[in-house]
Amino acid sequence: MYPLSSAVNKQSVLGGQVSFGPLQRKVQGNDAVISPTLTAPADVLTDRLVGKLLVQKGFDIPFYISHHTGGHLGNVAGNDGVAGGDQVASQKFPNPTIDQTMAWSGSFYPDLAGVRLRNIELGYGGWSYGYSSPTMRSGSILRNGRGVTSAQDAFTRIFGGTTAAGNASPVSTRKPIVDQVLAHWKSVRESNVRLSASDRQRMGDFMDRMSELQRSLKVTVAPLCTSLKQPATDTPGLNGQTEKTPSDSIRRFSIWNDVISAAILCGTTRIFVVSVHDLFMPFGGDWHQEVAHTQDQSKLVPSNRDFFRYGLTDLARKLDVDAGDGGTYLDRSLLHWSQESGDTTHHGMNQAIVSYGSAGGFFKTGQFVDWSNPTAAKINQYGVFKNPGILMNHWHANVMLGMGIPKADWPTVNNKGYGNLWMGMQFRSGYSAAAQAAMGDPLPIITGG
């Protein structure tokens, strides 16, 4: 279903036909409606905010990726392998996710003064993957096994010793233990020839992270940010199927969004990954089997609608404040909402991306784009015939371009886009050589490319 629009245009790009048009809100009662899912209070989802929204569908992960966490942010190897075949084969080519590549790029963080955390994952975690030695961009690809589930814990990590009264805790004059560990490691590394290559790698990876810890402990937070108050206690359980009332989820995301927006405005952290398990509704059964597998729209639509309303749009509104350069912090940002599946459960084709912010003017917002190509030969997706669209690697490459990350910093495997392109045999006819060759370039329509 297309969002509301005053026009639907068609254009031939990248060897296919694309449908697009401007977004339009319609006020129904107290709500502003763009689509059944993209609905929020009219005084929140204003025309101004709609102009900063970009709605896209037709992004493809071209194999049966099934249950996964890595596909959201560009590491298709991050799947559970239960289906075998392409799932298992793709696991041999892991790469960092886009958040980790940004976090360790000198182009994204040219100056780490005031930055206590390069990035942080909120919620259950596991969506973020990075090098075991991120500074050197080497070693194994590791999954962040668990995120931060408490807003108060996240606040402490981001802002340090700020107290509820707004007074910074006294700074210890004792030499940090990490300094002594680093000095000892340097001595061992330079003098002990018996260290095996693998042991040296493991110790080097560990000390790389210790060095980052040392750096973060020495960061001085800007004076205005030391007056911030710790957030109220949230409910960190985050198991959507045990939520007693939707108000638990609404309250949690409001508190989290307060912490996220404060961190971005203060510059103490600029990258957040949030895993959403909340249902925003009472439900006592097995959501995975009874709702996701059956594609029960009577529950999926209101659940996603409430996250759009109380999660994504609430954060966009809190960032849409003057940044002192004629724009807002939201204008500088990209808030990116993705799903595990496309329009068929566990299948990666025809995925939707909903985003706020233009990444400093790189993206043309206020519109929707359907990248699926009705003029191409349909792909037999395990018995379901689909129009091919744009490969997800191309979208993730555009996120990198929008954030100013040079291509030299990107991990690329078998393609010119971001990350590993793994393509099942039955998918390969759907994507032209020209489209694949352009995967490292700005996308038409939504950028100046």
Protein backbone atom coordinates (compact mmCIF):
# COMPACT_ATOMS: atom_id res chain seq x y z
CA MET A 1 0.00 0.00 0.00
CA TYR A 2 1.39 3.39 -1.00
CA PRO A 3 1.38 6.29 1.44
CA LEU A 4 -0.95 9.19 0.70
CA SER A 5 0.43 11.33 -2.12
CA SER A 6 -0.83 14.01 -4.45
CA ALA A 7 0.92 12.27 -7.36
CA VAL A 8 2.60 9.01 -8.25
CA ASN A 9 5.38 9.49 -10.78
CA LYS A 10 7.25 6.84 -12.71
CA GLN A 11 10.85 7.08 -13.87
CA SER A 12 13.33 4.71 -15.50
CA VAL A 13 16.48 4.45 -13.40
CA LEU A 14 19.21 1.82 -13.03
CA GLY A 15 17.65 -0.29 -15.76
CA GLY A 16 14.21 -0.42 -14.10
CA GLN A 17 11.05 1.57 -13.47
CA VAL A 18 10.60 3.34 -10.15
CA SER A 19 7.43 4.83 -8.65
CA PHE A 20 7.67 7.87 -6.39
CA GLY A 21 5.87 10.96 -5.20
CA PRO A 22 5.58 13.56 -2.45
CA LEU A 23 4.25 12.52 0.95
CA GLN A 24 0.96 14.00 2.07
CA ARG A 25 -0.61 13.97 5.51
CA LYS A 26 -4.37 13.85 6.00
CA VAL A 27 -5.86 14.88 9.33
CA GLN A 28 -8.44 12.39 10.61
CA GLY A 29 -9.78 13.37 14.01
CA ASN A 30 -6.77 14.01 16.24
CA ASP A 31 -4.35 12.09 14.03
CA ALA A 32 -2.28 12.91 10.97
CA VAL A 33 -2.31 9.95 8.58
CA ILE A 34 0.21 9.15 5.85
CA SER A 35 -0.66 5.43 5.78
CA PRO A 36 -2.31 3.05 8.26
CA THR A 37 1.11 2.46 9.86
CA LEU A 38 2.54 5.97 9.48
CA THR A 39 0.05 7.70 11.74
CA ALA A 40 0.63 9.98 14.75
CA PRO A 41 -1.08 12.85 16.58
CA ALA A 42 -1.60 15.78 14.22
CA ASP A 43 0.17 18.20 16.56
CA VAL A 44 3.24 15.89 16.49
CA LEU A 45 3.28 14.66 12.89
CA THR A 46 3.10 18.15 11.42
CA ASP A 47 3.60 19.18 7.80
CA ARG A 48 7.06 20.33 8.83
CA LEU A 49 7.97 16.88 10.18
CA VAL A 50 6.44 15.08 7.19
CA GLY A 51 8.78 17.15 5.04
CA LYS A 52 11.69 15.52 6.87
CA LEU A 53 10.38 11.97 6.40
CA LEU A 54 11.51 9.55 3.67
CA VAL A 55 9.50 6.37 3.04
CA GLN A 56 10.98 3.67 0.79
CA LYS A 57 10.15 0.10 -0.15
CA GLY A 58 11.64 -2.40 -2.57
CA PHE A 59 15.05 -3.01 -0.98
CA ASP A 60 16.19 -6.61 -1.37
CA ILE A 61 18.42 -9.03 0.51
CA PRO A 62 18.62 -11.61 -2.30
CA PHE A 63 18.54 -14.91 -0.43
CA TYR A 64 16.42 -16.57 2.22
CA ILE A 65 17.96 -14.82 5.23
CA SER A 66 15.18 -15.93 7.61
CA HIS A 67 15.86 -15.06 11.28
CA HIS A 68 18.65 -12.52 11.39
CA THR A 69 20.03 -9.52 13.22
CA GLY A 70 22.89 -8.47 10.94
CA GLY A 71 20.88 -7.72 7.80
CA HIS A 72 19.42 -4.55 9.31
CA LEU A 73 22.75 -2.73 9.25
CA GLY A 74 24.68 -4.48 6.50
CA ASN A 75 26.09 -7.79 7.78
CA VAL A 76 24.07 -10.55 6.08
CA ALA A 77 26.30 -13.17 7.73
CA GLY A 78 24.51 -12.28 10.97
CA ASN A 79 21.77 -14.89 10.63
CA ASP A 80 20.95 -17.99 12.63
CA GLY A 81 21.59 -20.50 9.83
CA VAL A 82 18.52 -22.60 10.60
CA ALA A 83 17.56 -22.84 6.92
CA GLY A 84 21.00 -24.05 5.84
CA GLY A 85 22.01 -23.39 2.23
CA ASP A 86 22.63 -19.71 1.50
CA GLN A 87 22.21 -18.80 5.15
CA VAL A 88 25.15 -20.95 6.19
CA ALA A 89 27.22 -20.10 3.11
CA SER A 90 26.85 -16.36 3.72
CA GLN A 91 28.14 -16.76 7.28
CA LYS A 92 31.64 -17.29 5.89
CA PHE A 93 31.82 -13.62 4.86
CA PRO A 94 30.97 -11.47 7.90
CA ASN A 95 31.66 -7.74 7.97
CA PRO A 96 31.11 -4.85 10.39
CA THR A 97 27.70 -3.22 10.41
CA ILE A 98 27.30 0.39 9.29
CA ASP A 99 27.13 1.72 12.85
CA GLN A 100 30.53 0.21 13.70
CA THR A 101 32.12 1.45 10.47
CA MET A 102 30.89 4.96 11.25
CA ALA A 103 31.94 4.76 14.88
CA TRP A 104 35.56 3.97 14.03
CA SER A 105 35.91 6.27 11.03
CA GLY A 106 37.97 9.41 11.44
CA SER A 107 35.63 11.05 8.94
CA PHE A 108 32.61 10.59 11.20
CA TYR A 109 34.49 11.42 14.41
CA PRO A 110 37.30 13.73 13.26
CA ASP A 111 37.57 15.00 16.84
CA LEU A 112 36.79 12.76 19.83
CA ALA A 113 36.96 15.57 22.37
CA GLY A 114 33.78 15.34 24.41
CA VAL A 115 32.81 11.95 22.90
CA ARG A 116 32.54 9.44 25.74
CA LEU A 117 31.08 6.62 23.65
CA ARG A 118 31.50 6.23 19.92
CA ASN A 119 28.28 4.22 19.77
CA ILE A 120 25.88 2.39 22.04
CA GLU A 121 23.24 -0.30 21.55
CA LEU A 122 20.00 -0.09 23.49
CA GLY A 123 17.64 -2.99 24.07
CA TYR A 124 18.32 -6.72 23.81
CA GLY A 125 21.26 -6.05 21.52
CA GLY A 126 22.95 -8.19 18.92
CA TRP A 127 22.23 -6.01 15.88
CA SER A 128 25.72 -4.50 15.88
CA TYR A 129 28.83 -6.34 14.60
CA GLY A 130 32.40 -5.07 14.59
CA TYR A 131 36.06 -6.00 14.35
CA SER A 132 37.72 -7.49 17.42
CA SER A 133 40.40 -4.83 16.83
CA PRO A 134 38.30 -1.89 15.63
CA THR A 135 41.14 0.64 15.55
CA MET A 136 43.15 -1.53 13.17
CA ARG A 137 40.05 -2.83 11.34
CA SER A 138 41.31 -6.35 11.79
CA GLY A 139 40.65 -9.57 13.63
CA SER A 140 37.38 -11.46 13.97
CA ILE A 141 33.92 -9.98 13.42
CA LEU A 142 32.19 -10.01 16.80
CA ARG A 143 28.53 -9.58 17.60
CA ASN A 144 27.57 -7.21 20.38
CA GLY A 145 25.82 -9.86 22.42
CA ARG A 146 23.77 -7.63 24.68
CA GLY A 147 22.73 -4.03 24.63
CA VAL A 148 22.08 -1.63 27.49
CA THR A 149 18.56 -2.22 28.80
CA SER A 150 18.35 0.53 31.41
CA ALA A 151 18.04 4.21 30.50
CA GLN A 152 19.82 5.14 33.72
CA ASP A 153 22.71 2.82 32.87
CA ALA A 154 22.90 4.28 29.37
CA PHE A 155 22.89 7.81 30.81
CA THR A 156 25.79 7.00 33.13
CA ARG A 157 27.84 5.47 30.33
CA ILE A 158 27.19 8.42 28.00
CA PHE A 159 27.59 11.30 30.45
CA GLY A 160 29.89 9.79 33.07
CA GLY A 161 29.58 10.77 36.71
CA THR A 162 26.76 13.31 36.36
CA THR A 163 24.47 13.05 39.36
CA ALA A 164 20.72 13.52 39.59
CA ALA A 165 21.32 16.98 41.06
CA GLY A 166 23.44 17.91 38.07
CA ASN A 167 26.80 17.95 39.83
CA ALA A 168 29.73 16.09 38.36
CA SER A 169 31.34 13.50 40.59
CA PRO A 170 34.87 14.35 41.78
CA VAL A 171 37.60 13.20 39.41
CA SER A 172 39.99 10.72 40.96
CA THR A 173 43.66 11.69 40.93
CA ARG A 174 44.75 8.04 41.09
CA LYS A 175 46.36 6.73 37.93
CA PRO A 176 43.79 4.51 36.15
CA ILE A 177 44.47 0.78 36.39
CA VAL A 178 44.03 0.56 32.63
CA ASP A 179 47.19 2.65 32.20
CA GLN A 180 49.18 0.04 34.13
CA VAL A 181 47.66 -2.82 32.12
CA LEU A 182 48.54 -1.09 28.86
CA ALA A 183 52.11 -0.52 29.98
CA HIS A 184 52.48 -4.17 31.00
CA TRP A 185 51.07 -5.37 27.68
CA LYS A 186 53.50 -3.19 25.75
CA SER A 187 56.36 -4.73 27.68
CA VAL A 188 55.13 -8.29 27.05
CA ARG A 189 54.48 -7.65 23.36
CA GLU A 190 57.94 -6.23 22.74
CA SER A 191 59.95 -8.71 24.81
CA ASN A 192 58.18 -12.08 24.75
CA VAL A 193 58.99 -13.93 21.52
CA ARG A 194 57.10 -17.03 22.66
CA LEU A 195 53.69 -15.43 22.04
CA SER A 196 51.97 -17.25 19.15
CA ALA A 197 50.43 -15.22 16.35
CA SER A 198 46.91 -16.07 17.54
CA ASP A 199 47.70 -15.17 21.16
CA ARG A 200 49.28 -11.93 20.02
CA GLN A 201 46.14 -11.17 17.98
CA ARG A 202 43.80 -11.92 20.89
CA MET A 203 45.82 -9.85 23.32
CA GLY A 204 46.12 -7.05 20.77
CA ASP A 205 42.35 -7.04 20.27
CA PHE A 206 41.76 -6.88 24.02
CA MET A 207 44.24 -4.06 24.52
CA ASP A 208 42.76 -2.14 21.61
CA ARG A 209 39.49 -2.08 23.50
CA MET A 210 41.26 -1.22 26.75
CA SER A 211 42.86 1.74 24.99
CA GLU A 212 39.41 2.94 23.93
CA LEU A 213 38.20 2.56 27.52
CA GLN A 214 41.17 4.60 28.69
CA ARG A 215 40.37 7.31 26.15
CA SER A 216 36.70 7.49 27.17
CA LEU A 217 37.54 7.73 30.89
CA LYS A 218 39.61 10.84 30.24
CA VAL A 219 36.90 12.68 28.28
CA THR A 220 35.69 15.90 29.84
CA VAL A 221 31.99 16.45 29.21
CA ALA A 222 30.93 19.97 28.19
CA PRO A 223 29.82 22.05 31.21
CA LEU A 224 26.26 22.48 29.94
CA CYS A 225 25.90 18.72 29.74
CA THR A 226 27.04 18.10 33.31
CA SER A 227 23.85 19.80 34.52
CA LEU A 228 21.65 17.12 32.96
CA LYS A 229 19.55 15.04 35.31
CA GLN A 230 19.48 11.28 35.25
CA PRO A 231 16.30 9.90 33.66
CA ALA A 232 13.50 8.32 35.61
CA THR A 233 13.71 4.58 36.16
CA ASP A 234 12.36 2.69 33.17
CA THR A 235 11.25 -0.94 32.87
CA PRO A 236 14.23 -2.77 31.38
CA GLY A 237 12.65 -6.19 30.85
CA LEU A 238 12.02 -5.53 27.15
CA ASN A 239 10.27 -8.82 26.51
CA GLY A 240 7.31 -7.64 24.48
CA GLN A 241 5.26 -10.72 25.30
CA THR A 242 5.38 -10.00 29.03
CA GLU A 243 4.48 -6.30 28.86
CA LYS A 244 1.45 -5.72 31.05
CA THR A 245 0.25 -2.53 29.33
CA PRO A 246 1.25 -0.56 26.23
CA SER A 247 2.01 2.37 28.54
CA ASP A 248 5.16 0.51 29.71
CA SER A 249 6.53 0.61 26.17
CA ILE A 250 5.43 4.19 25.54
CA ARG A 251 7.11 5.37 28.73
CA ARG A 252 10.31 3.42 28.00
CA PHE A 253 10.78 4.91 24.55
CA SER A 254 10.01 8.41 25.76
CA ILE A 255 12.76 8.08 28.38
CA TRP A 256 15.21 6.49 25.95
CA ASN A 257 14.52 9.22 23.40
CA ASP A 258 15.26 11.86 26.05
CA VAL A 259 18.66 10.24 26.65
CA ILE A 260 19.41 9.81 22.93
CA SER A 261 18.49 13.37 22.02
CA ALA A 262 20.48 14.79 24.96
CA ALA A 263 23.55 12.79 23.90
CA ILE A 264 23.32 13.97 20.30
CA LEU A 265 22.77 17.60 21.27
CA CYS A 266 25.72 17.39 23.66
CA GLY A 267 27.93 15.45 21.25
CA THR A 268 28.84 12.81 23.83
CA THR A 269 27.55 10.01 21.58
CA ARG A 270 26.22 10.29 18.03
CA ILE A 271 25.44 6.69 17.05
CA PHE A 272 22.63 4.62 18.58
CA VAL A 273 21.32 1.20 17.64
CA VAL A 274 17.97 0.37 19.22
CA SER A 275 16.47 -3.13 19.06
CA VAL A 276 12.70 -3.00 19.33
CA HIS A 277 10.96 -5.99 20.88
CA ASP A 278 8.00 -4.13 22.35
CA LEU A 279 4.57 -5.02 20.98
CA PHE A 280 2.78 -1.91 22.29
CA MET A 281 -0.24 -4.10 23.02
CA PRO A 282 -1.20 -6.80 25.51
CA PHE A 283 -0.61 -10.22 23.97
CA GLY A 284 -0.39 -13.53 25.77
CA GLY A 285 0.39 -15.94 22.93
CA ASP A 286 3.38 -16.65 20.69
CA TRP A 287 3.78 -13.51 18.57
CA HIS A 288 6.33 -15.15 16.28
CA GLN A 289 4.13 -18.09 15.31
CA GLU A 290 0.66 -16.62 15.72
CA VAL A 291 1.20 -13.13 14.28
CA ALA A 292 4.48 -12.85 12.32
CA HIS A 293 4.15 -16.20 10.55
CA THR A 294 0.50 -15.66 9.72
CA GLN A 295 1.15 -12.01 8.75
CA ASP A 296 -1.80 -10.95 10.89
CA GLN A 297 -2.24 -7.33 9.83
CA SER A 298 -4.83 -6.71 12.54
CA LYS A 299 -1.96 -6.86 15.05
CA LEU A 300 1.10 -6.00 12.96
CA VAL A 301 -0.26 -2.66 11.75
CA PRO A 302 -1.20 -1.22 15.18
CA SER A 303 2.01 -2.57 16.74
CA ASN A 304 4.18 -0.91 14.09
CA ARG A 305 2.00 2.20 14.13
CA ASP A 306 2.58 2.71 17.83
CA PHE A 307 6.35 2.33 17.44
CA PHE A 308 6.27 4.88 14.62
CA ARG A 309 4.26 7.20 16.84
CA TYR A 310 5.90 6.75 20.23
CA GLY A 311 9.37 5.62 19.18
CA LEU A 312 10.58 7.01 15.85
CA THR A 313 8.47 10.16 15.54
CA ASP A 314 8.92 11.08 19.20
CA LEU A 315 12.70 11.00 18.72
CA ALA A 316 12.48 12.97 15.46
CA ARG A 317 10.48 15.68 17.21
CA LYS A 318 12.98 15.88 20.08
CA LEU A 319 15.85 16.33 17.62
CA ASP A 320 14.06 18.88 15.47
CA VAL A 321 15.50 21.81 17.42
CA ASP A 322 17.79 24.61 16.29
CA ALA A 323 21.40 23.51 15.77
CA GLY A 324 22.67 27.08 15.40
CA ASP A 325 23.44 26.86 11.68
CA GLY A 326 20.03 27.54 10.20
CA GLY A 327 19.01 23.89 10.46
CA THR A 328 18.13 21.45 13.20
CA TYR A 329 19.83 18.44 14.73
CA LEU A 330 17.29 16.27 12.92
CA ASP A 331 18.34 17.82 9.60
CA ARG A 332 21.92 16.74 10.32
CA SER A 333 20.84 13.22 11.33
CA LEU A 334 19.43 10.06 9.82
CA LEU A 335 16.93 8.08 11.91
CA HIS A 336 16.65 4.70 10.21
CA TRP A 337 13.84 2.19 10.92
CA SER A 338 14.13 -1.28 9.36
CA GLN A 339 12.39 -4.65 9.65
CA GLU A 340 13.57 -8.27 9.78
CA SER A 341 11.52 -9.19 6.70
CA GLY A 342 10.01 -7.77 3.56
CA ASP A 343 6.37 -8.39 2.69
CA THR A 344 6.73 -12.13 3.36
CA THR A 345 7.82 -13.39 6.78
CA HIS A 346 11.55 -14.24 6.94
CA HIS A 347 12.10 -13.31 3.28
CA GLY A 348 14.42 -10.41 2.50
CA MET A 349 12.79 -9.02 -0.65
CA ASN A 350 10.72 -5.81 -0.83
CA GLN A 351 11.87 -4.47 2.51
CA ALA A 352 10.80 -1.04 3.71
CA ILE A 353 13.01 1.66 5.20
CA VAL A 354 11.38 4.58 6.99
CA SER A 355 13.71 7.42 7.92
CA TYR A 356 13.71 10.94 9.30
CA GLY A 357 16.40 13.52 8.56
CA SER A 358 18.41 14.33 5.45
CA ALA A 359 21.92 13.58 6.80
CA GLY A 360 22.91 17.20 6.32
CA GLY A 361 21.08 17.61 3.00
CA PHE A 362 22.31 14.42 1.33
CA PHE A 363 18.83 12.83 1.16
CA LYS A 364 15.77 14.44 -0.43
CA THR A 365 13.02 13.94 2.11
CA GLY A 366 9.27 14.50 2.10
CA GLN A 367 8.67 11.74 -0.44
CA PHE A 368 8.11 8.02 -0.91
CA VAL A 369 9.88 5.74 -3.39
CA ASP A 370 8.99 2.22 -4.48
CA TRP A 371 12.14 0.69 -5.96
CA SER A 372 10.49 -2.59 -7.02
CA ASN A 373 10.57 -2.85 -10.80
CA PRO A 374 7.35 -4.06 -12.46
CA THR A 375 8.99 -4.21 -15.91
CA ALA A 376 11.62 -6.78 -14.86
CA ALA A 377 11.21 -10.53 -14.99
CA LYS A 378 9.77 -11.67 -11.68
CA ILE A 379 11.94 -13.61 -9.26
CA ASN A 380 10.66 -16.94 -7.97
CA GLN A 381 11.17 -16.45 -4.24
CA TYR A 382 10.56 -20.03 -3.12
CA GLY A 383 7.22 -20.23 -4.89
CA VAL A 384 6.24 -16.57 -4.51
CA PHE A 385 6.92 -14.39 -7.56
CA LYS A 386 8.24 -10.92 -6.76
CA ASN A 387 9.39 -7.84 -8.66
CA PRO A 388 13.11 -7.26 -7.99
CA GLY A 389 14.06 -3.90 -6.54
CA ILE A 390 17.29 -2.28 -5.31
CA LEU A 391 19.86 -4.40 -3.49
CA MET A 392 20.16 -3.53 0.20
CA ASN A 393 23.92 -3.09 -0.22
CA HIS A 394 23.14 0.00 -2.31
CA TRP A 395 21.05 1.57 0.44
CA HIS A 396 23.69 0.93 3.09
CA ALA A 397 26.31 2.43 0.77
CA ASN A 398 24.15 5.55 0.53
CA VAL A 399 23.95 5.78 4.31
CA MET A 400 27.76 5.76 4.33
CA LEU A 401 27.90 8.43 1.63
CA GLY A 402 25.37 10.55 3.50
CA MET A 403 27.44 10.34 6.67
CA GLY A 404 30.61 11.32 4.83
CA ILE A 405 32.36 7.95 5.23
CA PRO A 406 34.86 7.44 2.36
CA LYS A 407 34.61 4.23 0.36
CA ALA A 408 38.09 3.28 1.56
CA ASP A 409 36.54 2.74 5.01
CA TRP A 410 33.77 0.43 3.77
CA PRO A 411 33.98 -3.34 3.94
CA THR A 412 33.06 -4.71 0.52
CA VAL A 413 32.86 -8.33 -0.57
CA ASN A 414 31.95 -9.31 -4.14
CA ASN A 415 30.33 -5.96 -4.92
CA LYS A 416 30.72 -2.18 -5.01
CA GLY A 417 28.11 -1.50 -2.34
CA TYR A 418 28.42 -1.90 1.41
CA GLY A 419 29.30 -5.26 2.93
CA ASN A 420 28.98 -8.73 1.46
CA LEU A 421 26.57 -9.30 -1.42
CA TRP A 422 25.32 -12.88 -1.13
CA MET A 423 22.85 -13.80 -3.83
CA GLY A 424 20.84 -17.01 -4.14
CA MET A 425 20.82 -18.66 -7.55
CA GLN A 426 17.15 -17.92 -8.29
CA PHE A 427 17.68 -14.21 -7.54
CA ARG A 428 20.56 -13.50 -9.89
CA SER A 429 18.53 -12.68 -12.99
CA GLY A 430 16.76 -9.80 -11.25
CA TYR A 431 19.60 -7.32 -10.93
CA SER A 432 21.32 -5.92 -14.00
CA ALA A 433 25.07 -5.54 -14.29
CA ALA A 434 24.57 -1.77 -14.52
CA ALA A 435 22.58 -1.70 -11.28
CA GLN A 436 25.21 -3.76 -9.48
CA ALA A 437 28.02 -1.58 -10.83
CA ALA A 438 26.27 1.50 -9.41
CA MET A 439 25.87 0.18 -5.86
CA GLY A 440 28.56 2.50 -4.51
CA ASP A 441 26.95 5.58 -6.08
CA PRO A 442 24.27 7.97 -4.78
CA LEU A 443 20.79 6.66 -5.51
CA PRO A 444 18.71 8.68 -7.96
CA ILE A 445 15.53 10.46 -6.84
CA ILE A 446 16.41 10.47 -3.13
CA THR A 447 19.79 12.17 -3.58
CA GLY A 448 21.38 14.54 -6.06
CA GLY A 449 22.88 11.48 -7.83
